[in-house]
Amino acid sequence: GRENLPDPQEAVVYIPNHCSYLDIPVLSGTVPRKFKYVSKQEILNLPIIGWAMSMAGHIGIKRMDKRSQLMTFKETVASLNNGNSVVLFPEGTRSPDGRLKGFKKGPIKMGIKAGVRLVPVSICNLYRWMPNSAATPLAFPRGVTVKIHPAIDPAGKTEEEISDYCYNAVNMGLPEYQRTLPAAE
């Protein structure tokens, strides 16, 4: 998916699935672009890694605090308007079973408000190496791939159209065991 990467100077919102504590280091190590993360505030409070993230301008959110959510929204849009790309995990938290979960509206709304393109990303096979139940990786991750899908420009599209496009791109890029289960009839 390297052909789908935007120009390094273009600010975009990256929209990946979130299945492991290793998602951030894997994205940072495989996507050859500079970007900021929106991360739960607890991570930014951790010694060393959290302090480094704070100093680098990554954005914190207290997920259950409406005031923090509004501040994060404004801070993220401002960061995008200042030319920074931002990674937003639209599921809101790590998937408990590795399968793609529903998207929250905030990440799509932030991209629309900033007027930047959104780039869906599928992180494949990482859950096997560090599921939620693991305190450390089970082994050195192998067979992990990061798929960058074509960006979508929000101009002239509804929030629902953009969200559906991003969700379907991420879902179809995942291996079968990570895809959303079909709805029971």
N, C-alpha and C. Protein backbone atom coordinates (compact mmCIF):
# COMPACT_ATOMS: atom_id res chain seq x y z
N GLY A 1 0.77 -1.20 0.00
CA GLY A 1 0.00 0.00 0.00
C GLY A 1 0.83 1.28 0.00
N ARG A 2 2.17 1.18 -0.19
CA ARG A 2 3.00 2.39 -0.21
C ARG A 2 2.52 3.39 -1.26
N GLU A 3 1.97 2.86 -2.36
CA GLU A 3 1.48 3.76 -3.42
C GLU A 3 0.31 4.62 -2.93
N ASN A 4 -0.31 4.22 -1.83
CA ASN A 4 -1.45 4.97 -1.30
C ASN A 4 -1.04 6.00 -0.24
N LEU A 5 0.23 6.03 0.11
CA LEU A 5 0.68 7.02 1.09
C LEU A 5 0.57 8.42 0.51
N PRO A 6 0.03 9.35 1.28
CA PRO A 6 -0.04 10.73 0.80
C PRO A 6 1.36 11.35 0.78
N ASP A 7 1.48 12.48 0.12
CA ASP A 7 2.73 13.23 0.10
C ASP A 7 3.15 13.52 1.55
N PRO A 8 4.45 13.42 1.85
CA PRO A 8 4.88 13.65 3.24
C PRO A 8 4.50 15.02 3.80
N GLN A 9 4.26 15.99 2.94
CA GLN A 9 3.91 17.35 3.40
C GLN A 9 2.40 17.52 3.63
N GLU A 10 1.60 16.53 3.20
CA GLU A 10 0.15 16.63 3.34
C GLU A 10 -0.31 16.13 4.70
N ALA A 11 -1.06 16.97 5.41
CA ALA A 11 -1.65 16.55 6.69
C ALA A 11 -2.88 15.69 6.39
N VAL A 12 -2.93 14.50 7.00
CA VAL A 12 -4.06 13.58 6.83
C VAL A 12 -4.40 12.97 8.19
N VAL A 13 -5.56 12.32 8.24
CA VAL A 13 -5.93 11.51 9.41
C VAL A 13 -5.76 10.05 8.99
N TYR A 14 -4.90 9.33 9.71
CA TYR A 14 -4.77 7.88 9.50
C TYR A 14 -5.80 7.20 10.39
N ILE A 15 -6.53 6.23 9.82
CA ILE A 15 -7.63 5.54 10.49
C ILE A 15 -7.32 4.03 10.53
N PRO A 16 -6.55 3.57 11.54
CA PRO A 16 -6.24 2.14 11.64
C PRO A 16 -7.14 1.40 12.63
N ASN A 17 -7.19 0.08 12.48
CA ASN A 17 -7.81 -0.75 13.52
C ASN A 17 -6.87 -0.76 14.73
N HIS A 18 -7.40 -1.15 15.88
CA HIS A 18 -6.61 -1.13 17.13
C HIS A 18 -6.79 -2.47 17.83
N CYS A 19 -5.75 -3.30 17.76
CA CYS A 19 -5.88 -4.66 18.29
C CYS A 19 -4.80 -5.04 19.30
N SER A 20 -3.80 -4.18 19.52
CA SER A 20 -2.70 -4.58 20.38
C SER A 20 -1.98 -3.36 20.94
N TYR A 21 -1.30 -3.57 22.08
CA TYR A 21 -0.43 -2.53 22.60
C TYR A 21 0.69 -2.22 21.61
N LEU A 22 0.97 -3.12 20.71
CA LEU A 22 2.07 -2.94 19.75
C LEU A 22 1.67 -2.12 18.52
N ASP A 23 0.41 -1.73 18.40
CA ASP A 23 -0.02 -0.98 17.21
C ASP A 23 0.80 0.28 16.99
N ILE A 24 1.02 1.05 18.05
CA ILE A 24 1.74 2.32 17.91
C ILE A 24 3.19 2.09 17.48
N PRO A 25 3.95 1.21 18.14
CA PRO A 25 5.32 1.01 17.66
C PRO A 25 5.38 0.42 16.24
N VAL A 26 4.42 -0.43 15.90
CA VAL A 26 4.42 -1.01 14.55
C VAL A 26 4.12 0.07 13.51
N LEU A 27 3.11 0.90 13.74
CA LEU A 27 2.81 1.98 12.80
C LEU A 27 4.00 2.94 12.69
N SER A 28 4.57 3.31 13.83
CA SER A 28 5.69 4.24 13.82
C SER A 28 6.90 3.67 13.08
N GLY A 29 7.07 2.36 13.15
CA GLY A 29 8.22 1.73 12.51
C GLY A 29 8.02 1.34 11.06
N THR A 30 6.78 1.33 10.58
CA THR A 30 6.53 0.85 9.21
C THR A 30 5.97 1.90 8.26
N VAL A 31 5.32 2.92 8.78
CA VAL A 31 4.74 3.96 7.92
C VAL A 31 5.74 5.10 7.84
N PRO A 32 6.35 5.30 6.68
CA PRO A 32 7.42 6.30 6.56
C PRO A 32 6.90 7.74 6.47
N ARG A 33 6.19 8.17 7.49
CA ARG A 33 5.65 9.52 7.56
C ARG A 33 5.71 9.97 9.02
N LYS A 34 5.72 11.28 9.22
CA LYS A 34 5.65 11.84 10.57
C LYS A 34 4.19 12.04 10.92
N PHE A 35 3.81 11.68 12.14
CA PHE A 35 2.43 11.90 12.58
C PHE A 35 2.36 11.93 14.09
N LYS A 36 1.27 12.48 14.57
CA LYS A 36 0.97 12.53 16.00
C LYS A 36 -0.09 11.47 16.28
N TYR A 37 -0.13 11.01 17.51
CA TYR A 37 -1.16 10.08 17.95
C TYR A 37 -2.10 10.77 18.91
N VAL A 38 -3.36 10.36 18.90
CA VAL A 38 -4.27 10.68 19.99
C VAL A 38 -4.29 9.42 20.85
N SER A 39 -3.91 9.59 22.10
CA SER A 39 -3.74 8.45 23.00
C SER A 39 -4.47 8.71 24.31
N LYS A 40 -4.90 7.65 24.96
CA LYS A 40 -5.53 7.86 26.26
C LYS A 40 -4.52 8.51 27.20
N GLN A 41 -5.01 9.42 28.00
CA GLN A 41 -4.16 10.23 28.86
C GLN A 41 -3.27 9.38 29.76
N GLU A 42 -3.76 8.23 30.18
CA GLU A 42 -2.98 7.37 31.07
C GLU A 42 -1.63 6.99 30.46
N ILE A 43 -1.59 6.82 29.13
CA ILE A 43 -0.33 6.47 28.46
C ILE A 43 0.64 7.66 28.53
N LEU A 44 0.12 8.87 28.35
CA LEU A 44 0.98 10.05 28.37
C LEU A 44 1.51 10.34 29.77
N ASN A 45 0.92 9.74 30.80
CA ASN A 45 1.39 9.92 32.16
C ASN A 45 2.45 8.90 32.56
N LEU A 46 2.72 7.91 31.72
CA LEU A 46 3.72 6.88 32.04
C LEU A 46 5.13 7.46 32.00
N PRO A 47 5.97 7.06 32.94
CA PRO A 47 7.36 7.51 32.87
C PRO A 47 8.02 7.08 31.55
N ILE A 48 8.87 7.87 31.07
CA ILE A 48 9.70 7.71 29.88
C ILE A 48 8.87 7.74 28.60
N ILE A 49 8.13 6.67 28.26
CA ILE A 49 7.41 6.67 26.98
C ILE A 49 6.33 7.74 26.94
N GLY A 50 5.58 7.87 28.01
CA GLY A 50 4.52 8.88 28.05
C GLY A 50 5.09 10.29 28.05
N TRP A 51 6.16 10.48 28.79
CA TRP A 51 6.79 11.80 28.82
C TRP A 51 7.31 12.15 27.43
N ALA A 52 7.92 11.19 26.76
CA ALA A 52 8.44 11.44 25.41
C ALA A 52 7.30 11.77 24.45
N MET A 53 6.19 11.05 24.56
CA MET A 53 5.04 11.33 23.70
C MET A 53 4.51 12.74 23.96
N SER A 54 4.42 13.14 25.22
CA SER A 54 3.94 14.48 25.55
C SER A 54 4.86 15.54 24.98
N MET A 55 6.17 15.36 25.15
CA MET A 55 7.13 16.34 24.64
C MET A 55 7.11 16.42 23.11
N ALA A 56 6.74 15.31 22.45
CA ALA A 56 6.69 15.28 20.98
C ALA A 56 5.38 15.86 20.44
N GLY A 57 4.46 16.25 21.33
CA GLY A 57 3.23 16.88 20.89
C GLY A 57 2.09 15.94 20.58
N HIS A 58 2.19 14.69 21.07
CA HIS A 58 1.06 13.78 20.89
C HIS A 58 -0.08 14.27 21.80
N ILE A 59 -1.28 13.87 21.48
CA ILE A 59 -2.48 14.45 22.09
C ILE A 59 -3.14 13.44 23.01
N GLY A 60 -3.44 13.86 24.23
CA GLY A 60 -4.07 12.97 25.21
C GLY A 60 -5.57 13.18 25.28
N ILE A 61 -6.27 12.12 25.66
CA ILE A 61 -7.72 12.19 25.86
C ILE A 61 -8.09 11.37 27.10
N LYS A 62 -8.94 11.95 27.92
CA LYS A 62 -9.56 11.21 29.03
C LYS A 62 -10.87 10.72 28.46
N ARG A 63 -10.96 9.46 28.15
CA ARG A 63 -12.07 8.92 27.35
C ARG A 63 -13.45 9.09 27.98
N MET A 64 -13.55 9.12 29.27
CA MET A 64 -14.87 9.22 29.91
C MET A 64 -15.21 10.65 30.32
N ASP A 65 -14.40 11.61 29.92
CA ASP A 65 -14.57 12.99 30.31
C ASP A 65 -14.97 13.83 29.10
N LYS A 66 -16.22 14.31 29.08
CA LYS A 66 -16.73 15.08 27.93
C LYS A 66 -15.90 16.33 27.66
N ARG A 67 -15.47 17.01 28.70
CA ARG A 67 -14.66 18.22 28.52
C ARG A 67 -13.34 17.86 27.83
N SER A 68 -12.71 16.77 28.26
CA SER A 68 -11.46 16.32 27.64
C SER A 68 -11.69 15.93 26.18
N GLN A 69 -12.82 15.30 25.90
CA GLN A 69 -13.12 14.91 24.52
C GLN A 69 -13.23 16.15 23.62
N LEU A 70 -13.87 17.20 24.12
CA LEU A 70 -14.00 18.43 23.35
C LEU A 70 -12.64 19.10 23.15
N MET A 71 -11.83 19.13 24.20
CA MET A 71 -10.48 19.71 24.10
C MET A 71 -9.64 18.91 23.10
N THR A 72 -9.75 17.59 23.16
CA THR A 72 -8.99 16.75 22.24
C THR A 72 -9.44 17.00 20.81
N PHE A 73 -10.73 17.14 20.60
CA PHE A 73 -11.26 17.43 19.26
C PHE A 73 -10.63 18.72 18.73
N LYS A 74 -10.68 19.78 19.53
CA LYS A 74 -10.14 21.07 19.11
C LYS A 74 -8.63 21.01 18.89
N GLU A 75 -7.93 20.35 19.79
CA GLU A 75 -6.47 20.24 19.70
C GLU A 75 -6.06 19.44 18.46
N THR A 76 -6.81 18.38 18.16
CA THR A 76 -6.49 17.56 16.99
C THR A 76 -6.75 18.31 15.70
N VAL A 77 -7.88 19.01 15.60
CA VAL A 77 -8.17 19.80 14.40
C VAL A 77 -7.11 20.88 14.22
N ALA A 78 -6.71 21.53 15.31
CA ALA A 78 -5.66 22.56 15.24
C ALA A 78 -4.34 21.96 14.76
N SER A 79 -4.00 20.78 15.27
CA SER A 79 -2.77 20.11 14.85
C SER A 79 -2.80 19.78 13.36
N LEU A 80 -3.94 19.28 12.88
CA LEU A 80 -4.10 19.00 11.45
C LEU A 80 -3.98 20.29 10.64
N ASN A 81 -4.63 21.36 11.10
CA ASN A 81 -4.57 22.65 10.40
C ASN A 81 -3.16 23.24 10.40
N ASN A 82 -2.34 22.83 11.38
CA ASN A 82 -0.94 23.28 11.44
C ASN A 82 -0.01 22.40 10.60
N GLY A 83 -0.60 21.45 9.85
CA GLY A 83 0.20 20.63 8.95
C GLY A 83 0.65 19.29 9.47
N ASN A 84 0.18 18.89 10.65
CA ASN A 84 0.55 17.59 11.23
C ASN A 84 -0.45 16.52 10.82
N SER A 85 0.03 15.37 10.43
CA SER A 85 -0.85 14.21 10.26
C SER A 85 -1.11 13.63 11.65
N VAL A 86 -2.27 12.99 11.81
CA VAL A 86 -2.65 12.45 13.11
C VAL A 86 -3.21 11.04 12.92
N VAL A 87 -2.81 10.13 13.82
CA VAL A 87 -3.36 8.78 13.87
C VAL A 87 -4.46 8.76 14.91
N LEU A 88 -5.66 8.36 14.48
CA LEU A 88 -6.81 8.25 15.38
C LEU A 88 -7.35 6.82 15.29
N PHE A 89 -7.44 6.13 16.40
CA PHE A 89 -7.98 4.77 16.42
C PHE A 89 -9.50 4.87 16.60
N PRO A 90 -10.27 4.71 15.53
CA PRO A 90 -11.71 4.98 15.60
C PRO A 90 -12.52 3.99 16.42
N GLU A 91 -11.94 2.85 16.78
CA GLU A 91 -12.67 1.92 17.64
C GLU A 91 -12.70 2.44 19.08
N GLY A 92 -11.81 3.37 19.39
CA GLY A 92 -11.78 3.97 20.72
C GLY A 92 -10.90 3.27 21.72
N THR A 93 -10.69 1.99 21.54
CA THR A 93 -9.85 1.20 22.43
C THR A 93 -9.45 -0.07 21.69
N ARG A 94 -8.55 -0.83 22.30
CA ARG A 94 -8.11 -2.08 21.65
C ARG A 94 -9.25 -3.10 21.61
N SER A 95 -9.33 -3.82 20.51
CA SER A 95 -10.32 -4.86 20.36
C SER A 95 -10.02 -6.00 21.34
N PRO A 96 -11.01 -6.48 22.07
CA PRO A 96 -10.76 -7.56 23.04
C PRO A 96 -10.47 -8.91 22.39
N ASP A 97 -10.90 -9.10 21.14
CA ASP A 97 -10.69 -10.40 20.49
C ASP A 97 -9.93 -10.30 19.16
N GLY A 98 -9.42 -9.12 18.85
CA GLY A 98 -8.67 -8.91 17.61
C GLY A 98 -9.52 -8.56 16.41
N ARG A 99 -10.83 -8.74 16.52
CA ARG A 99 -11.73 -8.42 15.40
C ARG A 99 -12.05 -6.93 15.38
N LEU A 100 -12.26 -6.40 14.18
CA LEU A 100 -12.61 -5.00 14.02
C LEU A 100 -13.95 -4.72 14.70
N LYS A 101 -13.99 -3.66 15.48
CA LYS A 101 -15.21 -3.23 16.16
C LYS A 101 -15.76 -1.97 15.48
N GLY A 102 -16.92 -1.54 15.91
CA GLY A 102 -17.54 -0.35 15.33
C GLY A 102 -16.69 0.91 15.53
N PHE A 103 -16.85 1.85 14.61
CA PHE A 103 -16.11 3.11 14.66
C PHE A 103 -16.90 4.16 15.43
N LYS A 104 -16.21 4.92 16.26
CA LYS A 104 -16.80 6.09 16.89
C LYS A 104 -16.78 7.23 15.87
N LYS A 105 -17.61 8.23 16.08
CA LYS A 105 -17.77 9.31 15.11
C LYS A 105 -16.66 10.36 15.15
N GLY A 106 -16.02 10.53 16.31
CA GLY A 106 -15.05 11.60 16.49
C GLY A 106 -13.94 11.67 15.45
N PRO A 107 -13.24 10.56 15.19
CA PRO A 107 -12.14 10.64 14.21
C PRO A 107 -12.58 11.10 12.82
N ILE A 108 -13.72 10.66 12.37
CA ILE A 108 -14.22 11.08 11.05
C ILE A 108 -14.58 12.56 11.10
N LYS A 109 -15.25 12.98 12.17
CA LYS A 109 -15.64 14.38 12.32
C LYS A 109 -14.41 15.30 12.36
N MET A 110 -13.33 14.85 13.00
CA MET A 110 -12.12 15.66 13.07
C MET A 110 -11.53 15.88 11.67
N GLY A 111 -11.49 14.81 10.87
CA GLY A 111 -10.98 14.92 9.51
C GLY A 111 -11.84 15.87 8.67
N ILE A 112 -13.15 15.74 8.82
CA ILE A 112 -14.08 16.61 8.08
C ILE A 112 -13.88 18.07 8.51
N LYS A 113 -13.85 18.31 9.82
CA LYS A 113 -13.70 19.68 10.34
C LYS A 113 -12.40 20.31 9.86
N ALA A 114 -11.32 19.54 9.83
CA ALA A 114 -10.02 20.06 9.38
C ALA A 114 -9.93 20.13 7.85
N GLY A 115 -10.85 19.44 7.16
CA GLY A 115 -10.83 19.44 5.70
C GLY A 115 -9.67 18.67 5.10
N VAL A 116 -9.23 17.61 5.81
CA VAL A 116 -8.12 16.80 5.32
C VAL A 116 -8.61 15.42 4.88
N ARG A 117 -7.81 14.76 4.06
CA ARG A 117 -8.17 13.41 3.63
C ARG A 117 -7.97 12.43 4.78
N LEU A 118 -8.73 11.33 4.71
CA LEU A 118 -8.62 10.26 5.70
C LEU A 118 -8.05 9.03 5.01
N VAL A 119 -7.09 8.38 5.67
CA VAL A 119 -6.38 7.25 5.09
C VAL A 119 -6.65 6.00 5.95
N PRO A 120 -7.48 5.07 5.46
CA PRO A 120 -7.71 3.83 6.22
C PRO A 120 -6.45 2.96 6.24
N VAL A 121 -6.22 2.28 7.37
CA VAL A 121 -5.04 1.43 7.54
C VAL A 121 -5.47 0.13 8.22
N SER A 122 -5.03 -1.00 7.67
CA SER A 122 -5.29 -2.31 8.28
C SER A 122 -4.00 -2.84 8.89
N ILE A 123 -4.02 -3.10 10.20
CA ILE A 123 -2.89 -3.71 10.89
C ILE A 123 -3.23 -5.19 11.03
N CYS A 124 -2.48 -6.02 10.32
CA CYS A 124 -2.82 -7.44 10.19
C CYS A 124 -1.88 -8.35 10.99
N ASN A 125 -2.48 -9.27 11.73
CA ASN A 125 -1.79 -10.36 12.43
C ASN A 125 -1.03 -9.95 13.67
N LEU A 126 -1.12 -8.73 14.12
CA LEU A 126 -0.42 -8.30 15.32
C LEU A 126 -1.08 -8.84 16.58
N TYR A 127 -2.40 -8.97 16.53
CA TYR A 127 -3.14 -9.47 17.70
C TYR A 127 -2.62 -10.83 18.16
N ARG A 128 -2.20 -11.67 17.23
CA ARG A 128 -1.70 -13.00 17.59
C ARG A 128 -0.48 -12.94 18.50
N TRP A 129 0.30 -11.88 18.37
CA TRP A 129 1.56 -11.78 19.11
C TRP A 129 1.43 -11.03 20.42
N MET A 130 0.38 -10.22 20.55
CA MET A 130 0.15 -9.55 21.83
C MET A 130 -1.31 -9.20 21.99
N PRO A 131 -2.13 -10.20 22.33
CA PRO A 131 -3.55 -9.93 22.58
C PRO A 131 -3.71 -9.11 23.86
N ASN A 132 -4.91 -8.64 24.11
CA ASN A 132 -5.18 -7.83 25.31
C ASN A 132 -4.80 -8.53 26.60
N SER A 133 -4.91 -9.85 26.62
CA SER A 133 -4.63 -10.60 27.83
C SER A 133 -3.15 -10.72 28.15
N ALA A 134 -2.28 -10.34 27.21
CA ALA A 134 -0.84 -10.51 27.40
C ALA A 134 -0.20 -9.24 27.97
N ALA A 135 0.65 -9.41 28.98
CA ALA A 135 1.37 -8.27 29.56
C ALA A 135 2.60 -7.93 28.71
N THR A 136 3.12 -8.91 28.02
CA THR A 136 4.25 -8.73 27.11
C THR A 136 3.97 -9.54 25.85
N PRO A 137 4.69 -9.25 24.76
CA PRO A 137 4.48 -10.05 23.54
C PRO A 137 4.71 -11.54 23.81
N LEU A 138 3.92 -12.39 23.15
CA LEU A 138 4.05 -13.84 23.32
C LEU A 138 5.30 -14.37 22.64
N ALA A 139 5.75 -13.68 21.61
CA ALA A 139 6.97 -14.01 20.87
C ALA A 139 7.28 -12.81 20.00
N PHE A 140 8.41 -12.86 19.31
CA PHE A 140 8.72 -11.77 18.38
C PHE A 140 7.71 -11.81 17.25
N PRO A 141 7.00 -10.70 16.99
CA PRO A 141 5.96 -10.69 15.95
C PRO A 141 6.51 -11.00 14.56
N ARG A 142 5.88 -11.97 13.89
CA ARG A 142 6.23 -12.34 12.52
C ARG A 142 4.95 -12.35 11.69
N GLY A 143 5.07 -12.09 10.42
CA GLY A 143 3.91 -12.13 9.54
C GLY A 143 2.97 -10.96 9.72
N VAL A 144 3.44 -9.90 10.37
CA VAL A 144 2.62 -8.71 10.59
C VAL A 144 2.72 -7.83 9.34
N THR A 145 1.58 -7.36 8.85
CA THR A 145 1.58 -6.44 7.72
C THR A 145 0.73 -5.23 8.06
N VAL A 146 1.11 -4.11 7.46
CA VAL A 146 0.36 -2.87 7.58
C VAL A 146 -0.05 -2.49 6.17
N LYS A 147 -1.36 -2.42 5.94
CA LYS A 147 -1.88 -2.10 4.61
C LYS A 147 -2.45 -0.68 4.62
N ILE A 148 -1.91 0.14 3.73
CA ILE A 148 -2.39 1.51 3.58
C ILE A 148 -3.38 1.52 2.41
N HIS A 149 -4.59 1.95 2.66
CA HIS A 149 -5.63 1.98 1.63
C HIS A 149 -5.73 3.38 1.01
N PRO A 150 -6.34 3.49 -0.17
CA PRO A 150 -6.50 4.82 -0.78
C PRO A 150 -7.24 5.78 0.15
N ALA A 151 -6.77 7.02 0.15
CA ALA A 151 -7.37 8.07 0.99
C ALA A 151 -8.72 8.48 0.42
N ILE A 152 -9.54 9.03 1.30
CA ILE A 152 -10.83 9.59 0.87
C ILE A 152 -10.84 11.08 1.23
N ASP A 153 -11.23 11.88 0.26
CA ASP A 153 -11.38 13.32 0.46
C ASP A 153 -12.78 13.57 1.00
N PRO A 154 -12.91 14.28 2.13
CA PRO A 154 -14.24 14.49 2.70
C PRO A 154 -15.13 15.47 1.93
N ALA A 155 -14.54 16.24 1.02
CA ALA A 155 -15.31 17.25 0.30
C ALA A 155 -16.48 16.62 -0.46
N GLY A 156 -17.68 17.12 -0.22
CA GLY A 156 -18.87 16.67 -0.92
C GLY A 156 -19.40 15.32 -0.48
N LYS A 157 -18.88 14.78 0.61
CA LYS A 157 -19.35 13.48 1.10
C LYS A 157 -19.95 13.65 2.49
N THR A 158 -20.87 12.75 2.82
CA THR A 158 -21.47 12.79 4.15
C THR A 158 -20.54 12.08 5.13
N GLU A 159 -20.75 12.37 6.40
CA GLU A 159 -19.99 11.69 7.45
C GLU A 159 -20.18 10.18 7.35
N GLU A 160 -21.40 9.76 7.07
CA GLU A 160 -21.69 8.33 6.96
C GLU A 160 -20.95 7.69 5.78
N GLU A 161 -20.90 8.37 4.65
CA GLU A 161 -20.18 7.84 3.48
C GLU A 161 -18.70 7.67 3.78
N ILE A 162 -18.13 8.65 4.45
CA ILE A 162 -16.70 8.61 4.78
C ILE A 162 -16.44 7.48 5.78
N SER A 163 -17.26 7.41 6.81
CA SER A 163 -17.10 6.37 7.83
C SER A 163 -17.25 4.97 7.22
N ASP A 164 -18.27 4.79 6.38
CA ASP A 164 -18.48 3.49 5.75
C ASP A 164 -17.29 3.10 4.87
N TYR A 165 -16.78 4.07 4.10
CA TYR A 165 -15.63 3.79 3.23
C TYR A 165 -14.43 3.34 4.08
N CYS A 166 -14.12 4.12 5.13
CA CYS A 166 -12.97 3.79 5.98
C CYS A 166 -13.15 2.44 6.66
N TYR A 167 -14.32 2.22 7.22
CA TYR A 167 -14.58 0.95 7.92
C TYR A 167 -14.44 -0.24 6.96
N ASN A 168 -15.06 -0.15 5.81
CA ASN A 168 -15.02 -1.26 4.85
C ASN A 168 -13.61 -1.50 4.32
N ALA A 169 -12.85 -0.43 4.09
CA ALA A 169 -11.47 -0.58 3.61
C ALA A 169 -10.62 -1.30 4.66
N VAL A 170 -10.72 -0.84 5.92
CA VAL A 170 -9.94 -1.47 6.99
C VAL A 170 -10.37 -2.93 7.14
N ASN A 171 -11.67 -3.18 7.20
CA ASN A 171 -12.19 -4.53 7.43
C ASN A 171 -11.77 -5.49 6.32
N MET A 172 -11.90 -5.08 5.08
CA MET A 172 -11.56 -5.98 3.96
C MET A 172 -10.05 -6.19 3.83
N GLY A 173 -9.25 -5.28 4.40
CA GLY A 173 -7.81 -5.46 4.38
C GLY A 173 -7.29 -6.40 5.44
N LEU A 174 -8.13 -6.76 6.39
CA LEU A 174 -7.73 -7.64 7.49
C LEU A 174 -7.85 -9.11 7.11
N PRO A 175 -7.05 -9.98 7.76
CA PRO A 175 -7.28 -11.41 7.56
C PRO A 175 -8.65 -11.80 8.11
N GLU A 176 -9.18 -12.88 7.63
CA GLU A 176 -10.54 -13.31 7.99
C GLU A 176 -10.76 -13.33 9.50
N TYR A 177 -9.79 -13.82 10.27
CA TYR A 177 -10.00 -13.95 11.71
C TYR A 177 -10.06 -12.60 12.43
N GLN A 178 -9.69 -11.51 11.75
CA GLN A 178 -9.76 -10.19 12.37
C GLN A 178 -10.94 -9.36 11.86
N ARG A 179 -11.61 -9.84 10.84
CA ARG A 179 -12.73 -9.08 10.28
C ARG A 179 -13.94 -9.15 11.20
N THR A 180 -14.79 -8.15 11.05
CA THR A 180 -16.05 -8.12 11.78
C THR A 180 -16.87 -9.35 11.45
N LEU A 181 -17.44 -9.97 12.46
CA LEU A 181 -18.32 -11.10 12.21
C LEU A 181 -19.60 -10.63 11.55
N PRO A 182 -20.12 -11.38 10.59
CA PRO A 182 -21.40 -10.98 9.98
C PRO A 182 -22.50 -10.98 11.04
N ALA A 183 -23.44 -10.09 10.88
CA ALA A 183 -24.56 -10.01 11.83
C ALA A 183 -25.38 -11.29 11.77
N ALA A 184 -25.78 -11.77 12.94
CA ALA A 184 -26.62 -12.97 13.00
C ALA A 184 -28.01 -12.63 12.48
N GLU A 185 -28.59 -13.55 11.75
CA GLU A 185 -29.93 -13.31 11.21
C GLU A 185 -31.00 -13.91 12.10
